[in-house]
């Protein structure tokens, strides 16, 4: 019979079978046909199994042990297969139940298409309340369409890190573009978490490394040509480009700037938090060069500094006339397909580079531009010649620049 180690049900006996010491767990109850004995190689494993059986009995009652012989044999075979992995039937059942629960969650979760539409609608409400900018909504709208196109029929609970890692790896675009796409997709899933549609963001562990490099700026000759073209052909865009180039405002900040936020007597521009990328209101000092462009403006001084309607088309025509490669609005065709690409913040970057070369004060520049000092240190390291610095800050409206125009005549001739 073996040595009795545990007297209470289920009993444990130390037995010898074919010269091997084993520990028998006797889970038999009265009324059964003799099945219900299990074996373990160690006393510890036997005691663990006995405690499991006792716990199951307490939770489910004696009825749970009155199973059929076929079911008991099936359980014993399954337990034998699991034992070599160190797992019990309880472990296996728990694992499978969890799997079924997760499948049920996936089945009942909303589709990406539905959530992408809800995300855009929710963010559009914030635009109407002045909490978001139009360019932010445009980016969200574009990302919403991407989500619906790629994964629209999939359910939120089915999305995994591997799906998005493979997608981002497949993109044949610049690393900056990959970074931006990942950021917008991440925003979508963070919104889904906030709305309790999911608990995890599958993009959290995906890191896109960006190589730090100096920003591109306009040479003095390019700055001059830009402002002269505005004066001669696109006068409605003159103040806008002057503020970007000699005030350092972001393109959207300049586009949404109103005349009432320009104080010439105080030589100060107030950039409102509602139009700023950082959501912080800041005051920008008006340098003498910018003052001359603003003071000499002959148009109306109320409302926006630039016409909002048709703005994009007008800007594209101006830049294409300067030889830049630009994709035509709502078209697959390009202006000047072999020309250089226009960089959205190039005027702002030019301002920062020429300003820093003149004043050498990163802290003040950071305040002017609404950036961190770290951002200024990381990106504005390009050396600008002192002669170019003087020429840049002497780019004035043509009608008042006779005294400096001679300095640019050779530049203009070389530019054709």
Protein backbone atom coordinates (compact mmCIF):
# COMPACT_ATOMS: atom_id res chain seq x y z
CA UNK A 1 0.00 0.00 0.00
CA UNK A 2 2.88 2.35 0.59
CA UNK A 3 3.66 4.79 3.38
CA UNK A 4 0.82 7.24 4.07
CA UNK A 5 2.11 10.83 4.02
CA UNK A 6 -1.14 12.80 3.87
CA UNK A 7 -4.11 11.39 5.80
CA UNK A 8 -6.83 13.79 4.70
CA UNK A 9 -8.44 13.69 1.26
CA UNK A 10 -6.87 13.50 -1.20
CA UNK A 11 -4.42 11.14 0.49
CA UNK A 12 -0.75 10.90 -0.49
CA UNK A 13 1.28 7.69 -0.26
CA UNK A 14 4.93 7.02 -0.91
CA UNK A 15 5.07 3.92 -3.12
CA UNK A 16 7.63 1.95 -5.09
CA UNK A 17 6.70 0.96 -8.63
CA UNK A 18 9.23 -0.94 -10.72
CA UNK A 19 12.01 0.06 -8.34
CA UNK A 20 11.10 3.76 -8.67
CA UNK A 21 9.94 5.84 -5.72
CA UNK A 22 6.76 7.74 -6.58
CA UNK A 23 4.15 9.73 -4.68
CA UNK A 24 0.57 8.61 -5.22
CA UNK A 25 -2.23 11.18 -4.93
CA UNK A 26 -5.41 9.25 -4.18
CA UNK A 27 -8.35 11.37 -5.21
CA UNK A 28 -10.88 8.54 -5.22
CA UNK A 29 -14.24 9.00 -3.55
CA UNK A 30 -16.84 6.49 -2.48
CA UNK A 31 -19.01 5.33 -5.34
CA UNK A 32 -16.32 5.58 -8.00
CA UNK A 33 -14.91 2.65 -9.94
CA UNK A 34 -11.35 2.96 -8.74
CA UNK A 35 -10.09 5.71 -11.06
CA UNK A 36 -8.64 8.87 -9.57
CA UNK A 37 -5.10 8.01 -8.58
CA UNK A 38 -2.26 10.18 -9.89
CA UNK A 39 1.50 9.96 -9.47
CA UNK A 40 4.27 12.52 -9.05
CA UNK A 41 8.02 12.05 -8.80
CA UNK A 42 8.51 14.43 -5.89
CA UNK A 43 6.73 14.97 -2.61
CA UNK A 44 6.47 18.71 -3.34
CA UNK A 45 4.66 18.15 -6.65
CA UNK A 46 2.35 15.62 -5.02
CA UNK A 47 1.40 18.01 -2.23
CA UNK A 48 0.79 20.79 -4.76
CA UNK A 49 -1.54 18.56 -6.78
CA UNK A 50 -3.37 17.44 -3.65
CA UNK A 51 -3.98 21.06 -2.66
CA UNK A 52 -5.35 21.76 -6.14
CA UNK A 53 -7.79 18.88 -5.90
CA UNK A 54 -8.89 19.96 -2.43
CA UNK A 55 -9.36 23.54 -3.60
CA UNK A 56 -11.38 22.41 -6.62
CA UNK A 57 -13.55 20.28 -4.37
CA UNK A 58 -14.29 23.20 -2.05
CA UNK A 59 -15.10 25.53 -4.93
CA UNK A 60 -17.18 23.14 -7.00
CA UNK A 61 -18.51 20.71 -4.40
CA UNK A 62 -18.46 16.96 -4.32
CA UNK A 63 -20.53 16.81 -7.51
CA UNK A 64 -17.50 17.89 -9.51
CA UNK A 65 -15.69 14.67 -8.56
CA UNK A 66 -18.51 12.39 -9.62
CA UNK A 67 -17.40 12.51 -13.24
CA UNK A 68 -17.72 9.69 -15.74
CA UNK A 69 -14.92 7.19 -16.20
CA UNK A 70 -14.31 8.46 -19.74
CA UNK A 71 -13.97 12.04 -18.57
CA UNK A 72 -11.66 11.04 -15.74
CA UNK A 73 -9.41 9.11 -18.13
CA UNK A 74 -9.34 12.08 -20.50
CA UNK A 75 -8.35 14.36 -17.62
CA UNK A 76 -5.59 11.99 -16.52
CA UNK A 77 -4.15 11.81 -20.05
CA UNK A 78 -4.22 15.59 -20.38
CA UNK A 79 -2.59 15.98 -16.99
CA UNK A 80 0.17 13.56 -17.99
CA UNK A 81 0.90 15.56 -21.13
CA UNK A 82 1.00 18.83 -19.18
CA UNK A 83 3.20 17.49 -16.39
CA UNK A 84 6.31 17.38 -18.58
CA UNK A 85 5.96 21.14 -19.02
CA UNK A 86 5.39 21.70 -15.33
CA UNK A 87 1.77 22.72 -15.88
CA UNK A 88 -1.44 21.43 -14.35
CA UNK A 89 -4.96 21.03 -15.69
CA UNK A 90 -5.89 24.13 -13.74
CA UNK A 91 -3.12 26.06 -15.53
CA UNK A 92 -4.30 24.78 -18.91
CA UNK A 93 -7.95 25.61 -18.28
CA UNK A 94 -7.03 29.07 -17.04
CA UNK A 95 -4.87 29.71 -20.09
CA UNK A 96 -7.57 28.59 -22.50
CA UNK A 97 -10.29 30.53 -20.73
CA UNK A 98 -8.15 33.66 -20.96
CA UNK A 99 -7.67 33.00 -24.69
CA UNK A 100 -11.42 32.66 -25.19
CA UNK A 101 -12.05 35.85 -23.23
CA UNK A 102 -9.55 37.75 -25.39
CA UNK A 103 -11.19 36.40 -28.53
CA UNK A 104 -14.54 37.56 -27.24
CA UNK A 105 -13.10 41.01 -26.54
CA UNK A 106 -11.71 41.20 -30.08
CA UNK A 107 -15.03 40.10 -31.54
CA UNK A 108 -16.94 42.77 -29.61
CA UNK A 109 -14.44 45.64 -30.08
CA UNK A 110 -15.12 48.39 -32.61
CA UNK A 111 -13.54 48.50 -36.06
CA UNK A 112 -10.66 50.83 -36.87
CA UNK A 113 -12.84 52.50 -39.52
CA UNK A 114 -15.51 53.43 -36.96
CA UNK A 115 -13.00 54.71 -34.44
CA UNK A 116 -11.02 56.69 -37.03
CA UNK A 117 -14.19 58.58 -37.96
CA UNK A 118 -15.04 59.20 -34.29
CA UNK A 119 -11.49 60.43 -33.62
CA UNK A 120 -11.65 62.95 -36.45
CA UNK A 121 -15.12 64.12 -35.41
CA UNK A 122 -14.00 64.61 -31.80
CA UNK A 123 -10.91 66.59 -32.81
CA UNK A 124 -12.93 68.71 -35.26
CA UNK A 125 -15.12 69.82 -32.35
CA UNK A 126 -11.98 71.13 -30.65
CA UNK A 127 -11.10 73.05 -33.79
CA UNK A 128 -14.45 74.83 -33.62
CA UNK A 129 -13.78 75.70 -29.98
CA UNK A 130 -10.38 77.14 -30.91
CA UNK A 131 -8.47 74.39 -29.09
CA UNK A 132 -6.77 73.02 -32.21
CA UNK A 133 -5.39 74.53 -35.40
CA UNK A 134 -6.61 73.75 -38.91
CA UNK A 135 -3.28 72.24 -39.97
CA UNK A 136 -3.52 69.84 -37.01
CA UNK A 137 -6.99 68.76 -38.15
CA UNK A 138 -5.68 68.33 -41.68
CA UNK A 139 -2.98 65.96 -40.40
CA UNK A 140 -5.54 64.03 -38.31
CA UNK A 141 -7.88 63.80 -41.30
CA UNK A 142 -5.09 62.40 -43.44
CA UNK A 143 -4.20 59.84 -40.75
CA UNK A 144 -7.86 58.88 -40.34
CA UNK A 145 -8.03 58.06 -44.06
CA UNK A 146 -4.82 56.03 -43.78
CA UNK A 147 -6.24 54.01 -40.87
CA UNK A 148 -9.44 53.26 -42.79
CA UNK A 149 -7.61 52.34 -45.96
CA UNK A 150 -5.05 50.00 -44.35
CA UNK A 151 -6.90 48.51 -41.38
CA UNK A 152 -10.50 49.75 -41.61
CA UNK A 153 -12.18 46.35 -41.25
CA UNK A 154 -9.89 45.18 -38.45
CA UNK A 155 -10.96 45.57 -34.85
CA UNK A 156 -9.10 47.73 -32.35
CA UNK A 157 -8.33 44.75 -30.09
CA UNK A 158 -6.65 42.92 -33.00
CA UNK A 159 -4.02 45.58 -33.64
CA UNK A 160 -0.47 44.68 -32.61
CA UNK A 161 2.97 46.22 -32.50
CA UNK A 162 4.13 43.93 -35.33
CA UNK A 163 1.43 45.26 -37.68
CA UNK A 164 2.64 48.84 -37.33
CA UNK A 165 6.33 48.03 -37.16
CA UNK A 166 6.05 46.22 -40.51
CA UNK A 167 4.05 49.11 -41.99
CA UNK A 168 6.49 51.80 -40.89
CA UNK A 169 9.44 49.71 -42.12
CA UNK A 170 7.79 49.47 -45.54
CA UNK A 171 7.52 53.23 -46.06
CA UNK A 172 9.94 54.56 -48.67
CA UNK A 173 10.01 58.11 -47.35
CA UNK A 174 12.34 60.21 -45.22
CA UNK A 175 12.97 59.24 -41.61
CA UNK A 176 11.31 62.48 -40.53
CA UNK A 177 8.15 61.49 -42.42
CA UNK A 178 8.18 58.03 -40.79
CA UNK A 179 8.57 59.76 -37.41
CA UNK A 180 5.56 62.00 -38.13
CA UNK A 181 3.37 59.10 -39.31
CA UNK A 182 4.23 57.10 -36.20
CA UNK A 183 3.44 60.12 -34.01
CA UNK A 184 -0.03 60.59 -35.54
CA UNK A 185 -0.88 56.89 -35.33
CA UNK A 186 0.24 56.99 -31.71
CA UNK A 187 -2.11 59.91 -31.06
CA UNK A 188 -5.01 57.88 -32.47
CA UNK A 189 -4.40 54.96 -30.09
CA UNK A 190 -3.90 57.28 -27.12
CA UNK A 191 -7.32 58.74 -27.94
CA UNK A 192 -8.77 55.20 -28.11
CA UNK A 193 -7.30 54.46 -24.67
CA UNK A 194 -8.80 57.67 -23.25
CA UNK A 195 -12.18 56.64 -24.70
CA UNK A 196 -11.76 53.16 -23.12
CA UNK A 197 -11.86 51.32 -26.46
CA UNK A 198 -8.54 49.61 -25.71
CA UNK A 199 -5.98 49.41 -22.91
CA UNK A 200 -2.70 49.46 -24.84
CA UNK A 201 -1.02 51.53 -27.53
CA UNK A 202 0.71 49.15 -30.00
CA UNK A 203 3.12 51.91 -31.05
CA UNK A 204 4.48 52.68 -27.58
CA UNK A 205 7.58 50.53 -28.01
CA UNK A 206 8.32 51.63 -31.58
CA UNK A 207 11.11 54.21 -31.61
CA UNK A 208 12.06 56.13 -34.76
CA UNK A 209 15.59 57.50 -34.53
CA UNK A 210 16.20 60.87 -36.16
CA UNK A 211 19.64 62.03 -37.19
CA UNK A 212 20.31 65.54 -35.94
CA UNK A 213 21.35 67.86 -38.74
CA UNK A 214 21.59 71.54 -39.46
CA UNK A 215 18.46 73.12 -40.87
CA UNK A 216 18.34 74.43 -44.42
CA UNK A 217 18.28 78.21 -44.82
CA UNK A 218 17.90 80.65 -47.69
CA UNK A 219 20.99 82.40 -48.95
CA UNK A 220 20.88 86.18 -48.97
CA UNK A 221 20.35 86.21 -52.74
CA UNK A 222 17.35 83.89 -52.38
CA UNK A 223 15.89 86.05 -49.60
CA UNK A 224 16.24 89.15 -51.75
CA UNK A 225 14.68 87.50 -54.77
CA UNK A 226 11.75 86.26 -52.67
CA UNK A 227 10.93 89.69 -51.28
CA UNK A 228 11.37 91.46 -54.62
CA UNK A 229 9.04 88.96 -56.31
CA UNK A 230 6.46 89.60 -53.60
CA UNK A 231 6.73 93.36 -54.16
CA UNK A 232 6.48 93.18 -57.94
CA UNK A 233 4.00 90.36 -58.55
CA UNK A 234 2.46 89.10 -55.29
CA UNK A 235 2.02 92.22 -53.08
CA UNK A 236 -0.65 90.50 -50.93
CA UNK A 237 2.03 88.05 -49.75
CA UNK A 238 4.69 90.65 -48.94
CA UNK A 239 3.86 91.18 -45.25
CA UNK A 240 3.38 87.45 -44.68
CA UNK A 241 6.84 86.58 -46.04
CA UNK A 242 8.48 89.55 -44.31
CA UNK A 243 7.14 88.35 -40.95
CA UNK A 244 8.32 84.76 -41.57
CA UNK A 245 11.74 85.87 -42.83
CA UNK A 246 12.52 88.78 -40.50
CA UNK A 247 10.30 87.86 -37.51
CA UNK A 248 10.78 84.09 -37.38
CA UNK A 249 7.11 83.16 -37.02
CA UNK A 250 6.03 79.69 -38.07
CA UNK A 251 4.12 79.60 -41.40
CA UNK A 252 0.77 78.91 -39.70
CA UNK A 253 1.41 81.52 -37.00
CA UNK A 254 2.09 84.13 -39.69
CA UNK A 255 -0.92 83.11 -41.77
CA UNK A 256 -3.26 83.45 -38.77
CA UNK A 257 -1.69 86.67 -37.45
CA UNK A 258 -4.03 89.68 -37.31
CA UNK A 259 -3.08 93.33 -37.60
CA UNK A 260 -4.44 94.07 -34.14
CA UNK A 261 -1.68 91.84 -32.71
CA UNK A 262 1.05 93.92 -34.35
CA UNK A 263 2.06 96.95 -32.28
CA UNK A 264 4.47 99.08 -34.30
CA UNK A 265 4.79 101.76 -31.63
CA UNK A 266 5.97 99.11 -29.15
CA UNK A 267 7.76 97.19 -31.91
CA UNK A 268 6.14 93.98 -30.80
CA UNK A 269 4.12 91.13 -32.34
CA UNK A 270 1.91 89.03 -30.08
CA UNK A 271 1.56 85.42 -31.21
CA UNK A 272 -1.56 84.02 -29.54
CA UNK A 273 -1.52 80.57 -27.97
CA UNK A 274 -4.55 79.62 -30.11
CA UNK A 275 -2.45 80.00 -33.28
CA UNK A 276 0.86 78.73 -31.90
CA UNK A 277 2.16 75.18 -32.26
CA UNK A 278 3.18 75.18 -28.58
CA UNK A 279 -0.18 76.65 -27.42
CA UNK A 280 1.71 79.37 -25.54
CA UNK A 281 1.25 83.07 -26.18
CA UNK A 282 4.55 84.90 -26.78
CA UNK A 283 5.75 88.35 -27.76
CA UNK A 284 8.19 88.76 -30.63
CA UNK A 285 10.39 91.83 -30.93
CA UNK A 286 10.13 93.60 -34.28
CA UNK A 287 13.64 94.09 -35.64
CA UNK A 288 14.33 97.27 -37.62
CA UNK A 289 14.28 95.39 -40.94
CA UNK A 290 10.82 93.98 -40.27
CA UNK A 291 9.65 97.36 -38.97
CA UNK A 292 10.49 98.93 -42.33
CA UNK A 293 8.46 96.32 -44.20
CA UNK A 294 5.46 96.70 -41.90
CA UNK A 295 5.61 100.47 -41.64
CA UNK A 296 5.79 100.86 -45.41
CA UNK A 297 2.83 98.59 -46.13
CA UNK A 298 0.20 100.46 -48.17
CA UNK A 299 -2.75 98.06 -47.84
CA UNK A 300 -5.51 97.77 -45.24
CA UNK A 301 -4.46 97.12 -41.67
CA UNK A 302 -7.33 95.13 -40.21
CA UNK A 303 -8.13 91.44 -39.87
CA UNK A 304 -5.66 88.84 -41.02
CA UNK A 305 -2.36 90.08 -42.50
CA UNK A 306 -2.91 87.83 -45.53
CA UNK A 307 -6.02 86.72 -47.40
CA UNK A 308 -7.12 83.33 -46.10
CA UNK A 309 -9.12 82.40 -49.16
CA UNK A 310 -6.89 81.14 -51.95
CA UNK A 311 -3.78 81.48 -49.77
CA UNK A 312 -2.30 78.09 -50.63
CA UNK A 313 -2.73 78.55 -54.37
CA UNK A 314 -1.16 82.02 -54.28
CA UNK A 315 1.84 80.81 -52.26
CA UNK A 316 2.38 77.85 -54.60
CA UNK A 317 2.37 80.12 -57.65
CA UNK A 318 4.86 82.49 -56.03
CA UNK A 319 7.27 79.70 -55.11
CA UNK A 320 6.95 78.00 -58.47
CA UNK A 321 7.77 81.32 -60.15
CA UNK A 322 11.01 81.28 -58.16
CA UNK A 323 11.89 77.87 -59.61
CA UNK A 324 11.00 75.63 -56.66
CA UNK A 325 9.66 72.12 -57.19
CA UNK A 326 6.09 71.99 -55.90
CA UNK A 327 3.21 69.57 -56.32
CA UNK A 328 0.23 71.32 -57.84
CA UNK A 329 -2.81 71.54 -55.58
CA UNK A 330 -5.13 68.51 -56.03
CA UNK A 331 -2.91 67.21 -58.82
CA UNK A 332 -0.20 64.62 -59.47
CA UNK A 333 1.78 67.09 -61.57
CA UNK A 334 4.68 69.23 -60.38
CA UNK A 335 5.87 72.72 -61.07
CA UNK A 336 9.60 72.71 -61.87
CA UNK A 337 10.05 68.93 -61.31
CA UNK A 338 13.84 69.33 -61.47
CA UNK A 339 14.00 72.35 -59.17
CA UNK A 340 14.88 72.42 -55.44
CA UNK A 341 12.16 71.54 -52.94
CA UNK A 342 10.65 74.35 -50.87
CA UNK A 343 11.01 73.61 -47.14
CA UNK A 344 8.01 74.79 -45.13
CA UNK A 345 10.01 76.42 -42.30
CA UNK A 346 12.93 77.62 -44.40
CA UNK A 347 12.14 81.32 -43.88
CA UNK A 348 11.88 80.82 -40.09
CA UNK A 349 15.14 78.84 -40.10
CA UNK A 350 16.81 81.61 -42.06
CA UNK A 351 15.68 84.21 -39.54
CA UNK A 352 17.06 82.14 -36.65
CA UNK A 353 20.43 81.59 -38.33
CA UNK A 354 20.99 85.22 -39.32
CA UNK A 355 19.67 86.49 -35.97
CA UNK A 356 21.94 84.15 -33.97
CA UNK A 357 24.93 85.15 -36.10
CA UNK A 358 24.20 88.80 -35.29
CA UNK A 359 23.35 88.61 -31.57
CA UNK A 360 24.79 85.26 -30.37
CA UNK A 361 22.10 84.88 -27.69
CA UNK A 362 20.40 81.46 -27.84
CA UNK A 363 18.21 82.11 -24.80
CA UNK A 364 16.66 85.25 -26.26
CA UNK A 365 16.25 83.57 -29.66
CA UNK A 366 14.44 80.64 -28.04
CA UNK A 367 11.94 83.08 -26.46
CA UNK A 368 11.46 84.91 -29.75
CA UNK A 369 10.73 81.69 -31.65
CA UNK A 370 8.77 79.83 -28.98
CA UNK A 371 11.33 77.02 -28.85
CA UNK A 372 13.50 75.45 -26.17
CA UNK A 373 17.17 76.40 -25.86
CA UNK A 374 18.00 72.75 -26.55
CA UNK A 375 16.18 72.95 -29.87
CA UNK A 376 18.14 76.05 -30.79
CA UNK A 377 21.44 74.41 -29.80
CA UNK A 378 20.65 71.20 -31.68
CA UNK A 379 19.63 72.75 -34.99
CA UNK A 380 21.15 76.20 -35.45
CA UNK A 381 24.86 75.56 -35.73
CA UNK A 382 25.40 76.50 -39.33
CA UNK A 383 28.06 79.21 -39.71
CA UNK A 384 26.83 82.34 -41.48
CA UNK A 385 29.39 84.77 -42.88
CA UNK A 386 29.42 88.18 -41.22
CA UNK A 387 29.13 89.86 -44.64
CA UNK A 388 25.95 87.86 -45.35
CA UNK A 389 24.54 88.81 -41.95
CA UNK A 390 24.86 92.52 -42.77
CA UNK A 391 23.33 92.04 -46.22
CA UNK A 392 20.41 90.00 -44.84
CA UNK A 393 19.37 92.62 -42.28
CA UNK A 394 19.60 95.30 -44.98
CA UNK A 395 16.99 93.69 -47.22
CA UNK A 396 14.47 96.53 -47.16
CA UNK A 397 11.50 97.55 -49.33
CA UNK A 398 12.86 98.63 -52.70
CA UNK A 399 11.51 102.17 -52.54
CA UNK A 400 13.44 102.98 -49.34
CA UNK A 401 16.62 101.00 -49.94
CA UNK A 402 18.49 103.24 -52.39
CA UNK A 403 21.37 103.55 -49.96
CA UNK A 404 21.84 99.77 -49.80
CA UNK A 405 20.52 98.72 -53.19
CA UNK A 406 23.94 99.01 -54.77
CA UNK A 407 25.12 96.21 -52.46
CA UNK A 408 22.56 93.91 -54.07
CA UNK A 409 22.92 94.86 -57.71
CA UNK A 410 25.66 92.32 -58.33
CA UNK A 411 23.59 89.65 -56.57
CA UNK A 412 20.53 90.42 -58.66
CA UNK A 413 22.57 90.31 -61.88
CA UNK A 414 24.00 86.92 -60.93
CA UNK A 415 20.46 85.67 -60.28
CA UNK A 416 19.18 86.85 -63.64
